[in-house]
Every structure is written in structure tokens, then in C-alpha cells.
Protein backbone atom coordinates (compact mmCIF):
# COMPACT_ATOMS: atom_id res chain seq x y z
CA UNK A 1 -21.60 9.31 -3.90
CA UNK A 2 -21.93 8.37 -0.29
CA UNK A 3 -19.13 8.36 1.89
CA UNK A 4 -19.80 4.27 2.79
CA UNK A 5 -19.65 3.93 -1.05
CA UNK A 6 -16.47 6.05 -1.59
CA UNK A 7 -14.56 4.13 1.62
CA UNK A 8 -15.89 0.62 -0.35
CA UNK A 9 -14.89 1.83 -3.88
CA UNK A 10 -11.67 2.82 -2.68
CA UNK A 11 -10.98 -0.43 -0.74
CA UNK A 12 -11.85 -2.45 -3.68
CA UNK A 13 -9.29 -0.83 -6.04
CA UNK A 14 -6.89 -0.36 -3.52
CA UNK A 15 -7.04 -4.35 -2.28
CA UNK A 16 -6.31 -5.16 -5.98
CA UNK A 17 -3.51 -2.77 -6.77
CA UNK A 18 -2.41 -4.00 -3.76
CA UNK A 19 -2.70 -7.60 -4.23
CA UNK A 20 -0.72 -7.36 -7.27
CA UNK A 21 2.15 -4.99 -6.06
CA UNK A 22 2.63 -7.35 -3.19
CA UNK A 23 4.63 -9.63 -5.75
CA UNK A 24 8.18 -8.64 -5.23
CA UNK A 25 11.46 -9.38 -6.70
CA UNK A 26 14.93 -9.17 -5.47
CA UNK A 27 16.09 -5.46 -6.57
CA UNK A 28 12.64 -4.38 -7.17
CA UNK A 29 10.15 -2.25 -5.73
CA UNK A 30 6.52 -2.33 -5.97
CA UNK A 31 3.64 0.29 -5.19
CA UNK A 32 0.07 0.53 -4.41
CA UNK A 33 -1.72 3.40 -4.51
CA UNK A 34 -5.43 4.09 -4.36
CA UNK A 35 -6.00 6.86 -6.81
CA UNK A 36 -8.18 6.16 -9.62
CA UNK A 37 -7.64 9.32 -11.65
CA UNK A 38 -4.64 11.99 -11.31
CA UNK A 39 -5.15 14.92 -9.35
CA UNK A 40 -6.32 18.20 -11.58
CA UNK A 41 -2.56 19.38 -11.21
CA UNK A 42 -0.90 16.11 -12.30
CA UNK A 43 0.58 15.46 -15.48
CA UNK A 44 1.08 12.05 -17.59
CA UNK A 45 3.29 9.29 -16.26
CA UNK A 46 4.07 6.04 -17.08
CA UNK A 47 3.54 3.16 -14.12
CA UNK A 48 5.71 -0.16 -14.01
CA UNK A 49 4.42 -2.94 -11.97
CA UNK A 50 6.69 -5.99 -11.37
CA UNK A 51 4.13 -8.81 -11.26
CA UNK A 52 6.15 -11.65 -9.98
CA UNK A 53 3.21 -13.08 -7.46
CA UNK A 54 3.58 -16.60 -8.74
CA UNK A 55 7.43 -16.41 -7.21
CA UNK A 56 6.62 -14.92 -4.30
CA UNK A 57 3.18 -15.92 -2.89
CA UNK A 58 2.37 -13.18 -1.34
CA UNK A 59 -0.89 -11.30 -1.54
CA UNK A 60 -3.05 -8.69 0.11
CA UNK A 61 -6.13 -9.67 1.02
CA UNK A 62 -7.91 -6.59 2.20
CA UNK A 63 -6.77 -3.07 2.66
CA UNK A 64 -8.51 -0.85 5.03
CA UNK A 65 -8.08 3.34 4.69
CA UNK A 66 -9.87 5.34 7.38
CA UNK A 67 -9.62 8.63 9.30
CA UNK A 68 -8.84 7.91 13.39
CA UNK A 69 -10.50 10.18 16.12
CA UNK A 70 -7.82 12.77 15.77
CA UNK A 71 -8.70 13.16 11.66
CA UNK A 72 -5.51 11.65 10.81
CA UNK A 73 -5.64 9.02 8.04
CA UNK A 74 -4.31 5.39 8.96
CA UNK A 75 -4.15 2.45 6.65
CA UNK A 76 -3.78 -1.23 7.29
CA UNK A 77 -3.32 -3.84 4.73
CA UNK A 78 -3.37 -7.47 5.42
CA UNK A 79 -0.61 -9.42 3.88
CA UNK A 80 -0.84 -13.50 3.39
CA UNK A 81 1.91 -15.51 2.48
CA UNK A 82 0.42 -18.43 0.36
CA UNK A 83 3.59 -20.30 0.06
CA UNK A 84 5.46 -22.81 1.40
CA UNK A 85 8.61 -20.80 2.98
CA UNK A 86 9.55 -17.94 5.14
CA UNK A 87 8.84 -14.99 3.58
CA UNK A 88 10.57 -11.16 4.41
CA UNK A 89 9.88 -7.99 2.65
CA UNK A 90 10.47 -4.57 3.12
CA UNK A 91 7.45 -1.63 3.14
CA UNK A 92 7.57 1.98 2.64
CA UNK A 93 3.83 4.14 2.99
CA UNK A 94 4.04 8.09 1.37
CA UNK A 95 1.16 9.69 1.98
CA UNK A 96 -0.32 12.37 -0.46
CA UNK A 97 -2.93 15.40 0.06
CA UNK A 98 -6.04 15.62 -1.58
CA UNK A 99 -4.30 17.64 -4.51
CA UNK A 100 -2.07 14.79 -4.76
CA UNK A 101 0.77 16.25 -3.48
CA UNK A 102 3.34 14.34 -1.32
CA UNK A 103 3.94 15.25 2.27
CA UNK A 104 7.43 14.89 3.62
CA UNK A 105 7.67 12.91 6.51
CA UNK A 106 10.62 11.60 8.98
CA UNK A 107 8.20 8.52 9.44
CA UNK A 108 7.98 7.51 5.67
CA UNK A 109 10.96 5.19 6.09
CA UNK A 110 11.78 1.58 4.92
CA UNK A 111 10.30 -1.23 7.30
CA UNK A 112 11.24 -4.84 7.13
CA UNK A 113 8.76 -7.47 8.34
CA UNK A 114 8.14 -11.29 7.64
CA UNK A 115 5.53 -13.89 7.10
CA UNK A 116 5.65 -17.28 8.05
CA UNK A 117 4.58 -20.10 5.26
CA UNK A 118 0.70 -20.01 5.17
CA UNK A 119 0.59 -17.00 7.81
CA UNK A 120 -0.61 -13.57 7.37
CA UNK A 121 0.70 -9.60 8.96
CA UNK A 122 -0.66 -6.58 9.06
CA UNK A 123 1.25 -3.71 7.98
CA UNK A 124 0.03 -0.65 8.76
CA UNK A 125 0.68 3.18 8.64
CA UNK A 126 -0.25 6.53 10.19
CA UNK A 127 -0.24 9.84 8.00
CA UNK A 128 2.19 12.50 9.28
CA UNK A 129 -0.93 15.37 9.25
CA UNK A 130 -4.68 15.21 8.98
CA UNK A 131 -4.12 16.71 5.36
CA UNK A 132 -2.90 13.32 4.08
CA UNK A 133 -5.83 12.04 2.10
CA UNK A 134 -4.38 8.86 0.25
CA UNK A 135 -1.25 6.88 0.44
CA UNK A 136 1.04 4.86 -1.66
CA UNK A 137 2.59 1.99 -0.71
CA UNK A 138 5.98 0.32 -2.20
CA UNK A 139 6.95 -2.91 -1.21
CA UNK A 140 10.51 -4.87 -2.12
CA UNK A 141 11.98 -7.71 -1.37
CA UNK A 142 14.22 -8.24 1.46
CA UNK A 143 16.81 -10.92 1.52
């Protein structure tokens, strides 16, 4: 598969996952990731998505993942507020290597941002090193 097709496929999956994960509720955390199958060494796990999009009105319009000029993975997620009130939320990017293993980083901390009614914002992160091959985005309400 060509790199362009792989990236396009990954972005399409990530956008769909991020759209459902950006629906946040008080006390809940939603997670976004682009892996479509487990790593060879992974074990079965259960996944839970808190899908309250109708109540929060946040959606991910686009997810871009690429390697920068230093070979380090970057991700940008366009978040849109389709509601009629100001929305605040917290997010956390975690990074994994090609085998699906978590890469510890002091940069993986909860950050808070907001989106005005009818507006949009971009949340972004840079991987801690060039071993990162994918990310996991967690979103939660921050009132």
C-alpha cells in the first residue's frame, strides 16, 4: 500500500474515531486512536466510548498525522463546536511505538482549551521521540 493511501486511510479512521471521542460528559473520559488492529503482542481488551455528542456539540472535523522535518510524529485535530454555548474540555495525547507500546513522556499531561459557540480550534501534539508511530487522544469535560 502506498504511503499516501496509508496516510489517507489512517486519517479517515482517525477522524471518525475522534468525532465520536470528542463527545464528552462530566466525569467521563473519551479516547481516540488510529490503530485498526492490535499489535502482534497485544492481548484482547474491551473498549468503552462515551457517546454523548448530542449533548456537547463538539466534533472532530479533521485529524492530520505526519512526520515533521526531524522525523518526529505530529498530530493536529480540528475541533468544532456546533452548539450555542461556550465549551471547555481537557485533552491528553499519549504516544505508542510501532508495536503498540506506550512511550512515557513528561509532555503527556492534561491540557485545557475551549471553543466558542459556532467556532473551532486546533489541538496538536508532538511525539516525545522518533520512535512514536501512533497516538491515543483522550478527551474529558473541564467545567
